[in-house]
Amino acid sequence: MSKQTQPIELYFFPTPNGFKIAIMLEELGIPYNINIVDFHKGEQFAPDFLKISPNNKIPAIVDPEGPDGKPISIFESGAILRYLAKKFDKFLPKDERAAIEVDQWLFWQVGGFGPMLGQAHHFNVFAKEKHPYSIERYIEESKRLYGVLNKQLEGKDYICTDFSIADIATIGWARVSEKQGVDINEYPNVKNWIKRMKARPAVAKAFAQSK
C-alpha cells in the first residue's frame, strides 16, 4: 500500500459529490488540504481551476505524489474514488468478482442515484417556478432508486457486504432524502445503513469539518 507524505489538494464545495472525496480521504487517514471552490462566486470558472477540472465541477484533486511520483490532477468523483482506492489498496476488493460488484454500485450511484436525486432536490426545493410534472417525475424516480438500494441492503451492513467506495459515493446523497421528497422511513434497510455510515468516525468528521 502506498504512503502519502505530501497532502493531496481537494477542491471542494459542501455538496453530496464534494463530501464523497472528503470522506474517502478521512477514511484513508492521509494528509489533505481543502480548497473551497465557491459556486456562489463563480469560482468554478476560474482559469486555474479549469486546468484541474475542465468540466468546471467539484470535486477534483491534485495528488503531488501521483503515478511515477509525478503530480496528477483528477476530476469526476467516481474516477477520484477509484484512483485513491487503487493507490492505497483500500475499499476496493482484490477479488475480481467482488471488485466488479463494487464498480457496478459505484457507477449506479454516479449515473443514476446522484443525478436523479439531484434533479428531485432542484425541482422540489430550488426551482423558482414549481413544475408539477418535473417534480413528480424526479421524485418518483428517486423513490424507485431508494427501493433498489433498500433491496440491495437486505441482510447486509454495507452495499456490497464489506465497506467500500460504493458506500462512500452514496451516503452524501442518501442522508438528505427529505429534500428529495423521499420519506426514508419507507426504506428501513437504507435508514439503518445511513445510521451505520454516520457512526463511522471518518464519515462524521468529513461532514463536520466540511460544512
N, C-alpha and C. Protein backbone atom coordinates (compact mmCIF):
# COMPACT_ATOMS: atom_id res chain seq x y z
N MET A 1 0.84 -1.19 0.00
CA MET A 1 0.00 0.00 0.00
C MET A 1 0.88 1.25 0.00
N SER A 2 0.52 2.22 -0.81
CA SER A 2 1.28 3.46 -0.89
C SER A 2 1.14 4.27 0.39
N LYS A 3 2.13 5.11 0.64
CA LYS A 3 2.07 6.07 1.72
C LYS A 3 2.07 7.48 1.13
N GLN A 4 1.44 8.39 1.83
CA GLN A 4 1.33 9.76 1.36
C GLN A 4 2.11 10.67 2.29
N THR A 5 3.10 11.37 1.76
CA THR A 5 3.87 12.29 2.58
C THR A 5 3.43 13.73 2.39
N GLN A 6 3.14 14.12 1.15
CA GLN A 6 2.64 15.46 0.88
C GLN A 6 1.11 15.44 0.82
N PRO A 7 0.44 16.47 1.30
CA PRO A 7 -1.02 16.46 1.29
C PRO A 7 -1.61 16.51 -0.12
N ILE A 8 -2.69 15.76 -0.29
CA ILE A 8 -3.50 15.86 -1.51
C ILE A 8 -4.34 17.13 -1.42
N GLU A 9 -4.42 17.83 -2.53
CA GLU A 9 -5.24 19.04 -2.58
C GLU A 9 -6.65 18.66 -3.07
N LEU A 10 -7.64 18.88 -2.22
CA LEU A 10 -9.04 18.60 -2.56
C LEU A 10 -9.75 19.90 -2.89
N TYR A 11 -10.32 19.97 -4.08
CA TYR A 11 -11.12 21.12 -4.50
C TYR A 11 -12.57 20.77 -4.24
N PHE A 12 -13.21 21.58 -3.40
CA PHE A 12 -14.40 21.13 -2.69
C PHE A 12 -15.44 22.24 -2.55
N PHE A 13 -16.70 21.83 -2.54
CA PHE A 13 -17.80 22.65 -2.07
C PHE A 13 -18.73 21.67 -1.35
N PRO A 14 -19.43 22.11 -0.29
CA PRO A 14 -20.20 21.15 0.52
C PRO A 14 -21.47 20.65 -0.16
N THR A 15 -21.29 19.78 -1.13
CA THR A 15 -22.38 19.11 -1.83
C THR A 15 -22.19 17.61 -1.65
N PRO A 16 -23.19 16.80 -1.98
CA PRO A 16 -23.00 15.35 -1.86
C PRO A 16 -21.80 14.83 -2.63
N ASN A 17 -21.54 15.36 -3.80
CA ASN A 17 -20.37 14.92 -4.56
C ASN A 17 -19.07 15.35 -3.89
N GLY A 18 -19.05 16.54 -3.35
CA GLY A 18 -17.86 17.00 -2.65
C GLY A 18 -17.56 16.17 -1.42
N PHE A 19 -18.60 15.81 -0.68
CA PHE A 19 -18.40 15.03 0.53
C PHE A 19 -17.82 13.64 0.25
N LYS A 20 -18.08 13.11 -0.93
CA LYS A 20 -17.55 11.78 -1.26
C LYS A 20 -16.04 11.72 -1.04
N ILE A 21 -15.34 12.71 -1.56
CA ILE A 21 -13.88 12.66 -1.52
C ILE A 21 -13.35 13.04 -0.14
N ALA A 22 -14.03 13.95 0.54
CA ALA A 22 -13.63 14.27 1.92
C ALA A 22 -13.74 13.02 2.79
N ILE A 23 -14.82 12.26 2.62
CA ILE A 23 -14.99 11.02 3.38
C ILE A 23 -13.90 10.03 3.03
N MET A 24 -13.62 9.87 1.75
CA MET A 24 -12.60 8.91 1.33
C MET A 24 -11.24 9.26 1.93
N LEU A 25 -10.87 10.51 1.88
CA LEU A 25 -9.58 10.93 2.40
C LEU A 25 -9.50 10.75 3.92
N GLU A 26 -10.62 11.00 4.61
CA GLU A 26 -10.65 10.77 6.05
C GLU A 26 -10.55 9.28 6.36
N GLU A 27 -11.26 8.46 5.60
CA GLU A 27 -11.21 7.02 5.81
C GLU A 27 -9.80 6.48 5.57
N LEU A 28 -9.11 7.04 4.60
CA LEU A 28 -7.74 6.61 4.31
C LEU A 28 -6.75 7.11 5.35
N GLY A 29 -7.11 8.19 6.04
CA GLY A 29 -6.22 8.73 7.06
C GLY A 29 -4.96 9.35 6.50
N ILE A 30 -5.06 9.95 5.33
CA ILE A 30 -3.89 10.55 4.69
C ILE A 30 -4.01 12.07 4.74
N PRO A 31 -2.89 12.79 4.64
CA PRO A 31 -2.94 14.25 4.71
C PRO A 31 -3.59 14.86 3.47
N TYR A 32 -4.42 15.88 3.69
CA TYR A 32 -5.03 16.59 2.57
C TYR A 32 -5.41 18.00 3.00
N ASN A 33 -5.52 18.85 2.03
CA ASN A 33 -5.98 20.22 2.24
C ASN A 33 -7.28 20.44 1.48
N ILE A 34 -8.18 21.19 2.08
CA ILE A 34 -9.43 21.54 1.41
C ILE A 34 -9.30 22.92 0.79
N ASN A 35 -9.61 23.00 -0.50
CA ASN A 35 -9.65 24.26 -1.23
C ASN A 35 -11.10 24.50 -1.65
N ILE A 36 -11.74 25.47 -1.02
CA ILE A 36 -13.14 25.74 -1.34
C ILE A 36 -13.27 26.38 -2.71
N VAL A 37 -14.15 25.83 -3.52
CA VAL A 37 -14.50 26.40 -4.82
C VAL A 37 -15.93 26.91 -4.68
N ASP A 38 -16.09 28.19 -4.45
CA ASP A 38 -17.39 28.76 -4.11
C ASP A 38 -18.23 28.99 -5.37
N PHE A 39 -19.25 28.17 -5.53
CA PHE A 39 -20.14 28.29 -6.69
C PHE A 39 -20.83 29.66 -6.72
N HIS A 40 -21.15 30.18 -5.54
CA HIS A 40 -21.89 31.43 -5.48
C HIS A 40 -21.07 32.60 -6.02
N LYS A 41 -19.76 32.44 -6.02
CA LYS A 41 -18.87 33.48 -6.53
C LYS A 41 -18.35 33.16 -7.93
N GLY A 42 -18.80 32.04 -8.49
CA GLY A 42 -18.36 31.66 -9.83
C GLY A 42 -16.94 31.16 -9.90
N GLU A 43 -16.40 30.71 -8.77
CA GLU A 43 -15.00 30.29 -8.75
C GLU A 43 -14.75 29.02 -9.55
N GLN A 44 -15.82 28.28 -9.87
CA GLN A 44 -15.66 27.07 -10.69
C GLN A 44 -15.25 27.38 -12.12
N PHE A 45 -15.36 28.66 -12.51
CA PHE A 45 -14.98 29.06 -13.86
C PHE A 45 -13.60 29.72 -13.92
N ALA A 46 -12.91 29.77 -12.79
CA ALA A 46 -11.58 30.38 -12.76
C ALA A 46 -10.62 29.57 -13.63
N PRO A 47 -9.80 30.22 -14.44
CA PRO A 47 -8.90 29.51 -15.34
C PRO A 47 -8.02 28.47 -14.65
N ASP A 48 -7.52 28.79 -13.47
CA ASP A 48 -6.65 27.84 -12.78
C ASP A 48 -7.42 26.58 -12.37
N PHE A 49 -8.68 26.76 -11.98
CA PHE A 49 -9.48 25.59 -11.61
C PHE A 49 -9.86 24.77 -12.84
N LEU A 50 -10.12 25.44 -13.95
CA LEU A 50 -10.49 24.72 -15.18
C LEU A 50 -9.34 23.86 -15.70
N LYS A 51 -8.11 24.21 -15.35
CA LYS A 51 -6.98 23.36 -15.73
C LYS A 51 -7.02 22.03 -14.99
N ILE A 52 -7.62 22.04 -13.81
CA ILE A 52 -7.74 20.83 -12.99
C ILE A 52 -9.03 20.09 -13.31
N SER A 53 -10.11 20.85 -13.46
CA SER A 53 -11.43 20.27 -13.71
C SER A 53 -12.07 20.96 -14.91
N PRO A 54 -11.79 20.50 -16.13
CA PRO A 54 -12.28 21.19 -17.33
C PRO A 54 -13.80 21.22 -17.46
N ASN A 55 -14.50 20.40 -16.68
CA ASN A 55 -15.97 20.42 -16.69
C ASN A 55 -16.52 21.40 -15.67
N ASN A 56 -15.66 22.22 -15.08
CA ASN A 56 -15.98 23.23 -14.07
C ASN A 56 -16.90 22.71 -12.96
N LYS A 57 -16.60 21.49 -12.49
CA LYS A 57 -17.36 20.89 -11.39
C LYS A 57 -16.40 20.42 -10.30
N ILE A 58 -16.94 20.39 -9.07
CA ILE A 58 -16.21 19.73 -8.00
C ILE A 58 -16.85 18.36 -7.80
N PRO A 59 -16.13 17.41 -7.19
CA PRO A 59 -14.81 17.53 -6.62
C PRO A 59 -13.71 17.32 -7.67
N ALA A 60 -12.52 17.74 -7.30
CA ALA A 60 -11.32 17.45 -8.07
C ALA A 60 -10.17 17.38 -7.07
N ILE A 61 -9.12 16.68 -7.47
CA ILE A 61 -7.95 16.61 -6.59
C ILE A 61 -6.68 16.84 -7.41
N VAL A 62 -5.65 17.25 -6.71
CA VAL A 62 -4.29 17.22 -7.24
C VAL A 62 -3.46 16.40 -6.25
N ASP A 63 -2.93 15.31 -6.75
CA ASP A 63 -2.06 14.46 -5.93
C ASP A 63 -0.62 14.76 -6.32
N PRO A 64 0.17 15.37 -5.43
CA PRO A 64 1.56 15.69 -5.77
C PRO A 64 2.44 14.45 -5.89
N GLU A 65 1.91 13.31 -5.43
CA GLU A 65 2.66 12.06 -5.49
C GLU A 65 1.89 11.05 -6.33
N GLY A 66 1.62 11.42 -7.56
CA GLY A 66 0.86 10.58 -8.48
C GLY A 66 1.70 9.45 -9.05
N PRO A 67 1.24 8.85 -10.15
CA PRO A 67 2.00 7.76 -10.79
C PRO A 67 3.43 8.19 -11.10
N ASP A 68 4.36 7.29 -10.82
CA ASP A 68 5.79 7.56 -11.03
C ASP A 68 6.30 8.73 -10.20
N GLY A 69 5.54 9.05 -9.13
CA GLY A 69 5.97 10.12 -8.25
C GLY A 69 5.72 11.51 -8.77
N LYS A 70 5.03 11.62 -9.91
CA LYS A 70 4.78 12.92 -10.50
C LYS A 70 3.35 13.38 -10.20
N PRO A 71 3.12 14.69 -10.07
CA PRO A 71 1.79 15.20 -9.76
C PRO A 71 0.76 14.80 -10.82
N ILE A 72 -0.47 14.64 -10.35
CA ILE A 72 -1.58 14.35 -11.27
C ILE A 72 -2.83 15.02 -10.74
N SER A 73 -3.63 15.57 -11.66
CA SER A 73 -4.93 16.14 -11.29
C SER A 73 -6.02 15.22 -11.83
N ILE A 74 -7.10 15.08 -11.07
CA ILE A 74 -8.19 14.17 -11.42
C ILE A 74 -9.51 14.86 -11.12
N PHE A 75 -10.44 14.81 -12.06
CA PHE A 75 -11.79 15.28 -11.81
C PHE A 75 -12.76 14.12 -12.02
N GLU A 76 -14.02 14.31 -11.63
CA GLU A 76 -15.09 13.32 -11.60
C GLU A 76 -14.94 12.41 -10.36
N SER A 77 -15.98 12.42 -9.54
CA SER A 77 -15.91 11.75 -8.24
C SER A 77 -15.64 10.26 -8.34
N GLY A 78 -16.26 9.58 -9.29
CA GLY A 78 -16.03 8.15 -9.43
C GLY A 78 -14.59 7.83 -9.80
N ALA A 79 -14.03 8.63 -10.69
CA ALA A 79 -12.64 8.42 -11.08
C ALA A 79 -11.70 8.68 -9.90
N ILE A 80 -12.00 9.70 -9.12
CA ILE A 80 -11.16 10.01 -7.96
C ILE A 80 -11.23 8.87 -6.94
N LEU A 81 -12.43 8.38 -6.66
CA LEU A 81 -12.57 7.30 -5.69
C LEU A 81 -11.81 6.05 -6.13
N ARG A 82 -11.91 5.70 -7.40
CA ARG A 82 -11.21 4.51 -7.89
C ARG A 82 -9.69 4.72 -7.86
N TYR A 83 -9.25 5.91 -8.20
CA TYR A 83 -7.82 6.20 -8.16
C TYR A 83 -7.27 6.03 -6.74
N LEU A 84 -7.95 6.64 -5.78
CA LEU A 84 -7.49 6.58 -4.40
C LEU A 84 -7.58 5.16 -3.85
N ALA A 85 -8.66 4.44 -4.20
CA ALA A 85 -8.80 3.07 -3.72
C ALA A 85 -7.69 2.18 -4.25
N LYS A 86 -7.34 2.36 -5.51
CA LYS A 86 -6.28 1.55 -6.10
C LYS A 86 -4.91 1.95 -5.58
N LYS A 87 -4.69 3.25 -5.42
CA LYS A 87 -3.38 3.71 -4.95
C LYS A 87 -3.09 3.22 -3.54
N PHE A 88 -4.10 3.29 -2.67
CA PHE A 88 -3.89 2.93 -1.27
C PHE A 88 -4.40 1.54 -0.93
N ASP A 89 -4.89 0.83 -1.94
CA ASP A 89 -5.30 -0.57 -1.77
C ASP A 89 -6.32 -0.73 -0.65
N LYS A 90 -7.35 0.12 -0.68
CA LYS A 90 -8.39 0.05 0.33
C LYS A 90 -9.75 0.35 -0.29
N PHE A 91 -10.76 -0.32 0.23
CA PHE A 91 -12.16 -0.07 -0.11
C PHE A 91 -12.54 -0.47 -1.53
N LEU A 92 -11.68 -1.23 -2.19
CA LEU A 92 -11.99 -1.86 -3.47
C LEU A 92 -11.38 -3.26 -3.41
N PRO A 93 -12.20 -4.30 -3.42
CA PRO A 93 -11.68 -5.66 -3.18
C PRO A 93 -10.65 -6.09 -4.21
N LYS A 94 -9.75 -6.95 -3.76
CA LYS A 94 -8.77 -7.54 -4.69
C LYS A 94 -9.43 -8.61 -5.55
N ASP A 95 -10.36 -9.34 -4.97
CA ASP A 95 -11.07 -10.37 -5.73
C ASP A 95 -11.83 -9.74 -6.89
N GLU A 96 -11.65 -10.28 -8.09
CA GLU A 96 -12.19 -9.64 -9.30
C GLU A 96 -13.71 -9.58 -9.28
N ARG A 97 -14.37 -10.65 -8.86
CA ARG A 97 -15.83 -10.64 -8.83
C ARG A 97 -16.36 -9.62 -7.82
N ALA A 98 -15.72 -9.56 -6.66
CA ALA A 98 -16.14 -8.60 -5.64
C ALA A 98 -15.87 -7.17 -6.12
N ALA A 99 -14.76 -6.97 -6.82
CA ALA A 99 -14.45 -5.64 -7.34
C ALA A 99 -15.46 -5.20 -8.39
N ILE A 100 -15.89 -6.13 -9.22
CA ILE A 100 -16.89 -5.81 -10.24
C ILE A 100 -18.20 -5.40 -9.58
N GLU A 101 -18.56 -6.08 -8.49
CA GLU A 101 -19.79 -5.71 -7.78
C GLU A 101 -19.69 -4.28 -7.25
N VAL A 102 -18.56 -3.94 -6.67
CA VAL A 102 -18.38 -2.58 -6.16
C VAL A 102 -18.45 -1.57 -7.30
N ASP A 103 -17.80 -1.88 -8.42
CA ASP A 103 -17.85 -0.97 -9.57
C ASP A 103 -19.28 -0.77 -10.06
N GLN A 104 -20.06 -1.85 -10.09
CA GLN A 104 -21.45 -1.73 -10.54
C GLN A 104 -22.21 -0.72 -9.69
N TRP A 105 -22.06 -0.83 -8.37
CA TRP A 105 -22.82 0.05 -7.48
C TRP A 105 -22.23 1.45 -7.43
N LEU A 106 -20.94 1.57 -7.64
CA LEU A 106 -20.34 2.90 -7.76
C LEU A 106 -20.91 3.62 -8.98
N PHE A 107 -20.95 2.95 -10.12
CA PHE A 107 -21.45 3.59 -11.33
C PHE A 107 -22.96 3.75 -11.30
N TRP A 108 -23.65 2.88 -10.58
CA TRP A 108 -25.09 3.07 -10.35
C TRP A 108 -25.32 4.40 -9.63
N GLN A 109 -24.50 4.66 -8.64
CA GLN A 109 -24.64 5.93 -7.93
C GLN A 109 -24.29 7.11 -8.83
N VAL A 110 -23.15 7.02 -9.51
CA VAL A 110 -22.69 8.13 -10.34
C VAL A 110 -23.66 8.41 -11.49
N GLY A 111 -24.20 7.35 -12.07
CA GLY A 111 -25.04 7.52 -13.25
C GLY A 111 -26.52 7.69 -12.99
N GLY A 112 -26.98 7.28 -11.79
CA GLY A 112 -28.41 7.31 -11.52
C GLY A 112 -28.79 7.93 -10.20
N PHE A 113 -28.34 7.32 -9.13
CA PHE A 113 -28.75 7.74 -7.79
C PHE A 113 -28.42 9.21 -7.53
N GLY A 114 -27.25 9.64 -7.92
CA GLY A 114 -26.89 11.04 -7.73
C GLY A 114 -27.64 12.00 -8.64
N PRO A 115 -27.55 11.81 -9.95
CA PRO A 115 -28.22 12.75 -10.86
C PRO A 115 -29.73 12.84 -10.67
N MET A 116 -30.41 11.72 -10.47
CA MET A 116 -31.86 11.76 -10.32
C MET A 116 -32.26 12.41 -9.01
N LEU A 117 -31.55 12.09 -7.93
CA LEU A 117 -31.85 12.72 -6.65
C LEU A 117 -31.54 14.21 -6.70
N GLY A 118 -30.48 14.55 -7.43
CA GLY A 118 -30.14 15.96 -7.59
C GLY A 118 -31.23 16.74 -8.30
N GLN A 119 -31.82 16.13 -9.32
CA GLN A 119 -32.92 16.78 -10.04
C GLN A 119 -34.16 16.90 -9.15
N ALA A 120 -34.44 15.85 -8.38
CA ALA A 120 -35.58 15.91 -7.45
C ALA A 120 -35.38 17.04 -6.45
N HIS A 121 -34.18 17.14 -5.91
CA HIS A 121 -33.86 18.20 -4.95
C HIS A 121 -34.04 19.57 -5.60
N HIS A 122 -33.53 19.71 -6.82
CA HIS A 122 -33.61 21.00 -7.50
C HIS A 122 -35.05 21.43 -7.73
N PHE A 123 -35.84 20.56 -8.35
CA PHE A 123 -37.21 20.95 -8.69
C PHE A 123 -38.11 21.03 -7.46
N ASN A 124 -37.78 20.27 -6.43
CA ASN A 124 -38.60 20.27 -5.21
C ASN A 124 -38.29 21.44 -4.30
N VAL A 125 -37.03 21.94 -4.33
CA VAL A 125 -36.60 22.95 -3.37
C VAL A 125 -36.19 24.26 -4.04
N PHE A 126 -35.35 24.20 -5.07
CA PHE A 126 -34.70 25.39 -5.58
C PHE A 126 -35.38 26.05 -6.78
N ALA A 127 -36.13 25.31 -7.56
CA ALA A 127 -36.71 25.88 -8.77
C ALA A 127 -37.60 27.08 -8.44
N LYS A 128 -37.38 28.18 -9.14
CA LYS A 128 -38.17 29.39 -8.88
C LYS A 128 -39.63 29.19 -9.26
N GLU A 129 -39.85 28.42 -10.31
CA GLU A 129 -41.22 28.10 -10.72
C GLU A 129 -41.47 26.63 -10.48
N LYS A 130 -42.53 26.30 -9.77
CA LYS A 130 -42.86 24.92 -9.47
C LYS A 130 -43.50 24.27 -10.70
N HIS A 131 -42.87 23.21 -11.15
CA HIS A 131 -43.32 22.50 -12.34
C HIS A 131 -43.76 21.10 -11.92
N PRO A 132 -45.06 20.88 -11.76
CA PRO A 132 -45.55 19.62 -11.19
C PRO A 132 -45.04 18.37 -11.90
N TYR A 133 -45.00 18.41 -13.23
CA TYR A 133 -44.54 17.22 -13.97
C TYR A 133 -43.11 16.87 -13.60
N SER A 134 -42.24 17.88 -13.57
CA SER A 134 -40.83 17.64 -13.25
C SER A 134 -40.67 17.14 -11.82
N ILE A 135 -41.39 17.78 -10.90
CA ILE A 135 -41.31 17.36 -9.50
C ILE A 135 -41.73 15.91 -9.36
N GLU A 136 -42.86 15.56 -9.94
CA GLU A 136 -43.36 14.18 -9.83
C GLU A 136 -42.42 13.19 -10.50
N ARG A 137 -41.93 13.54 -11.67
CA ARG A 137 -41.05 12.63 -12.42
C ARG A 137 -39.80 12.29 -11.61
N TYR A 138 -39.14 13.30 -11.08
CA TYR A 138 -37.86 13.04 -10.41
C TYR A 138 -38.05 12.48 -9.00
N ILE A 139 -39.10 12.86 -8.32
CA ILE A 139 -39.36 12.26 -7.01
C ILE A 139 -39.70 10.79 -7.16
N GLU A 140 -40.52 10.45 -8.14
CA GLU A 140 -40.88 9.05 -8.34
C GLU A 140 -39.66 8.22 -8.73
N GLU A 141 -38.80 8.77 -9.57
CA GLU A 141 -37.57 8.04 -9.93
C GLU A 141 -36.65 7.91 -8.73
N SER A 142 -36.60 8.93 -7.89
CA SER A 142 -35.80 8.84 -6.67
C SER A 142 -36.32 7.74 -5.77
N LYS A 143 -37.62 7.66 -5.63
CA LYS A 143 -38.22 6.60 -4.80
C LYS A 143 -37.88 5.23 -5.36
N ARG A 144 -37.93 5.09 -6.68
CA ARG A 144 -37.57 3.80 -7.28
C ARG A 144 -36.13 3.42 -6.95
N LEU A 145 -35.23 4.41 -7.05
CA LEU A 145 -33.83 4.15 -6.78
C LEU A 145 -33.59 3.83 -5.30
N TYR A 146 -34.28 4.50 -4.41
CA TYR A 146 -34.19 4.14 -3.00
C TYR A 146 -34.68 2.71 -2.78
N GLY A 147 -35.69 2.31 -3.54
CA GLY A 147 -36.17 0.94 -3.44
C GLY A 147 -35.11 -0.07 -3.90
N VAL A 148 -34.40 0.27 -4.96
CA VAL A 148 -33.32 -0.59 -5.45
C VAL A 148 -32.24 -0.73 -4.37
N LEU A 149 -31.86 0.39 -3.77
CA LEU A 149 -30.84 0.37 -2.72
C LEU A 149 -31.33 -0.39 -1.50
N ASN A 150 -32.59 -0.19 -1.14
CA ASN A 150 -33.15 -0.89 0.01
C ASN A 150 -33.09 -2.41 -0.17
N LYS A 151 -33.40 -2.87 -1.37
CA LYS A 151 -33.34 -4.30 -1.66
C LYS A 151 -31.90 -4.81 -1.61
N GLN A 152 -30.97 -4.03 -2.14
CA GLN A 152 -29.56 -4.44 -2.15
C GLN A 152 -29.00 -4.56 -0.73
N LEU A 153 -29.50 -3.74 0.18
CA LEU A 153 -29.00 -3.73 1.55
C LEU A 153 -29.66 -4.78 2.44
N GLU A 154 -30.58 -5.53 1.90
CA GLU A 154 -31.25 -6.57 2.69
C GLU A 154 -30.23 -7.57 3.23
N GLY A 155 -30.15 -7.68 4.55
CA GLY A 155 -29.24 -8.64 5.17
C GLY A 155 -27.77 -8.24 5.13
N LYS A 156 -27.47 -6.98 4.75
CA LYS A 156 -26.09 -6.52 4.65
C LYS A 156 -25.87 -5.28 5.51
N ASP A 157 -24.65 -5.13 6.01
CA ASP A 157 -24.28 -3.90 6.71
C ASP A 157 -23.93 -2.79 5.73
N TYR A 158 -23.38 -3.20 4.58
CA TYR A 158 -22.95 -2.23 3.58
C TYR A 158 -23.43 -2.67 2.20
N ILE A 159 -23.32 -1.80 1.23
CA ILE A 159 -23.93 -2.04 -0.07
C ILE A 159 -23.40 -3.32 -0.72
N CYS A 160 -22.11 -3.55 -0.61
CA CYS A 160 -21.51 -4.75 -1.20
C CYS A 160 -20.94 -5.66 -0.12
N THR A 161 -21.64 -5.81 0.97
CA THR A 161 -21.26 -6.62 2.13
C THR A 161 -20.18 -5.93 2.95
N ASP A 162 -18.99 -5.74 2.38
CA ASP A 162 -17.93 -5.02 3.08
C ASP A 162 -17.96 -3.54 2.71
N PHE A 163 -17.54 -2.69 3.63
CA PHE A 163 -17.47 -1.26 3.38
C PHE A 163 -16.58 -0.98 2.17
N SER A 164 -17.05 -0.11 1.27
CA SER A 164 -16.32 0.13 0.02
C SER A 164 -16.60 1.53 -0.50
N ILE A 165 -15.96 1.83 -1.62
CA ILE A 165 -16.19 3.13 -2.26
C ILE A 165 -17.62 3.29 -2.74
N ALA A 166 -18.36 2.20 -2.87
CA ALA A 166 -19.78 2.31 -3.23
C ALA A 166 -20.55 2.99 -2.11
N ASP A 167 -20.24 2.63 -0.87
CA ASP A 167 -20.89 3.28 0.28
C ASP A 167 -20.47 4.74 0.38
N ILE A 168 -19.19 5.00 0.20
CA ILE A 168 -18.67 6.37 0.28
C ILE A 168 -19.34 7.26 -0.76
N ALA A 169 -19.56 6.72 -1.94
CA ALA A 169 -20.17 7.51 -3.02
C ALA A 169 -21.63 7.83 -2.75
N THR A 170 -22.31 6.99 -1.99
CA THR A 170 -23.77 7.06 -1.89
C THR A 170 -24.27 7.83 -0.68
N ILE A 171 -23.53 7.82 0.42
CA ILE A 171 -24.06 8.35 1.68
C ILE A 171 -24.40 9.84 1.62
N GLY A 172 -23.61 10.63 0.93
CA GLY A 172 -23.87 12.07 0.88
C GLY A 172 -25.22 12.41 0.29
N TRP A 173 -25.66 11.60 -0.65
CA TRP A 173 -26.97 11.81 -1.27
C TRP A 173 -28.09 11.28 -0.39
N ALA A 174 -27.90 10.10 0.18
CA ALA A 174 -28.97 9.45 0.92
C ALA A 174 -29.29 10.16 2.23
N ARG A 175 -28.35 10.87 2.79
CA ARG A 175 -28.58 11.49 4.10
C ARG A 175 -29.49 12.71 4.02
N VAL A 176 -29.80 13.19 2.82
CA VAL A 176 -30.69 14.36 2.68
C VAL A 176 -31.94 13.98 1.90
N SER A 177 -32.48 12.80 2.21
CA SER A 177 -33.63 12.29 1.45
C SER A 177 -34.85 13.19 1.53
N GLU A 178 -35.03 13.89 2.65
CA GLU A 178 -36.22 14.73 2.80
C GLU A 178 -36.25 15.85 1.78
N LYS A 179 -35.08 16.33 1.36
CA LYS A 179 -35.02 17.40 0.36
C LYS A 179 -35.35 16.88 -1.03
N GLN A 180 -35.31 15.56 -1.18
CA GLN A 180 -35.63 14.92 -2.46
C GLN A 180 -37.09 14.48 -2.51
N GLY A 181 -37.85 14.81 -1.47
CA GLY A 181 -39.25 14.41 -1.42
C GLY A 181 -39.44 12.95 -1.09
N VAL A 182 -38.46 12.35 -0.41
CA VAL A 182 -38.48 10.93 -0.09
C VAL A 182 -38.57 10.73 1.42
N ASP A 183 -39.49 9.88 1.86
CA ASP A 183 -39.61 9.51 3.27
C ASP A 183 -38.73 8.31 3.53
N ILE A 184 -37.61 8.52 4.23
CA ILE A 184 -36.65 7.44 4.42
C ILE A 184 -37.21 6.31 5.27
N ASN A 185 -38.26 6.57 6.02
CA ASN A 185 -38.87 5.52 6.84
C ASN A 185 -39.48 4.41 5.98
N GLU A 186 -39.73 4.71 4.72
CA GLU A 186 -40.27 3.69 3.81
C GLU A 186 -39.19 2.74 3.32
N TYR A 187 -37.93 3.03 3.67
CA TYR A 187 -36.80 2.22 3.21
C TYR A 187 -35.94 1.86 4.42
N PRO A 188 -36.42 0.93 5.26
CA PRO A 188 -35.75 0.67 6.54
C PRO A 188 -34.31 0.20 6.42
N ASN A 189 -33.99 -0.56 5.39
CA ASN A 189 -32.61 -1.01 5.23
C ASN A 189 -31.68 0.17 4.93
N VAL A 190 -32.17 1.10 4.12
CA VAL A 190 -31.38 2.30 3.81
C VAL A 190 -31.26 3.16 5.06
N LYS A 191 -32.33 3.30 5.80
CA LYS A 191 -32.31 4.12 7.02
C LYS A 191 -31.28 3.58 8.01
N ASN A 192 -31.25 2.27 8.20
CA ASN A 192 -30.29 1.68 9.13
C ASN A 192 -28.86 1.80 8.62
N TRP A 193 -28.70 1.68 7.31
CA TRP A 193 -27.36 1.85 6.71
C TRP A 193 -26.86 3.28 6.90
N ILE A 194 -27.73 4.26 6.74
CA ILE A 194 -27.35 5.65 6.96
C ILE A 194 -26.84 5.83 8.39
N LYS A 195 -27.53 5.24 9.36
CA LYS A 195 -27.10 5.33 10.75
C LYS A 195 -25.71 4.71 10.94
N ARG A 196 -25.48 3.56 10.32
CA ARG A 196 -24.17 2.92 10.42
C ARG A 196 -23.09 3.79 9.79
N MET A 197 -23.40 4.37 8.65
CA MET A 197 -22.43 5.21 7.98
C MET A 197 -22.10 6.45 8.81
N LYS A 198 -23.10 7.11 9.34
CA LYS A 198 -22.88 8.32 10.14
C LYS A 198 -22.10 8.02 11.41
N ALA A 199 -22.18 6.78 11.88
CA ALA A 199 -21.47 6.39 13.10
C ALA A 199 -19.98 6.17 12.86
N ARG A 200 -19.57 6.05 11.60
CA ARG A 200 -18.15 5.89 11.31
C ARG A 200 -17.43 7.20 11.60
N PRO A 201 -16.37 7.18 12.41
CA PRO A 201 -15.69 8.43 12.78
C PRO A 201 -15.23 9.27 11.58
N ALA A 202 -14.71 8.61 10.56
CA ALA A 202 -14.22 9.35 9.39
C ALA A 202 -15.36 10.04 8.64
N VAL A 203 -16.49 9.37 8.56
CA VAL A 203 -17.65 9.96 7.89
C VAL A 203 -18.15 11.16 8.68
N ALA A 204 -18.28 10.99 9.98
CA ALA A 204 -18.73 12.09 10.83
C ALA A 204 -17.78 13.27 10.76
N LYS A 205 -16.48 13.01 10.75
CA LYS A 205 -15.50 14.09 10.70
C LYS A 205 -15.57 14.83 9.37
N ALA A 206 -15.73 14.09 8.28
CA ALA A 206 -15.81 14.71 6.96
C ALA A 206 -17.01 15.64 6.88
N PHE A 207 -18.17 15.18 7.36
CA PHE A 207 -19.35 16.02 7.33
C PHE A 207 -19.21 17.22 8.26
N ALA A 208 -18.60 17.03 9.42
CA ALA A 208 -18.50 18.10 10.42
C ALA A 208 -17.53 19.20 10.00
N GLN A 209 -16.39 18.83 9.46
CA GLN A 209 -15.38 19.85 9.15
C GLN A 209 -15.57 20.49 7.79
N SER A 210 -16.50 19.97 7.01
CA SER A 210 -16.62 20.43 5.62
C SER A 210 -17.92 21.17 5.39
N LYS A 211 -18.54 21.67 6.45
CA LYS A 211 -19.81 22.36 6.27
C LYS A 211 -19.61 23.73 5.64
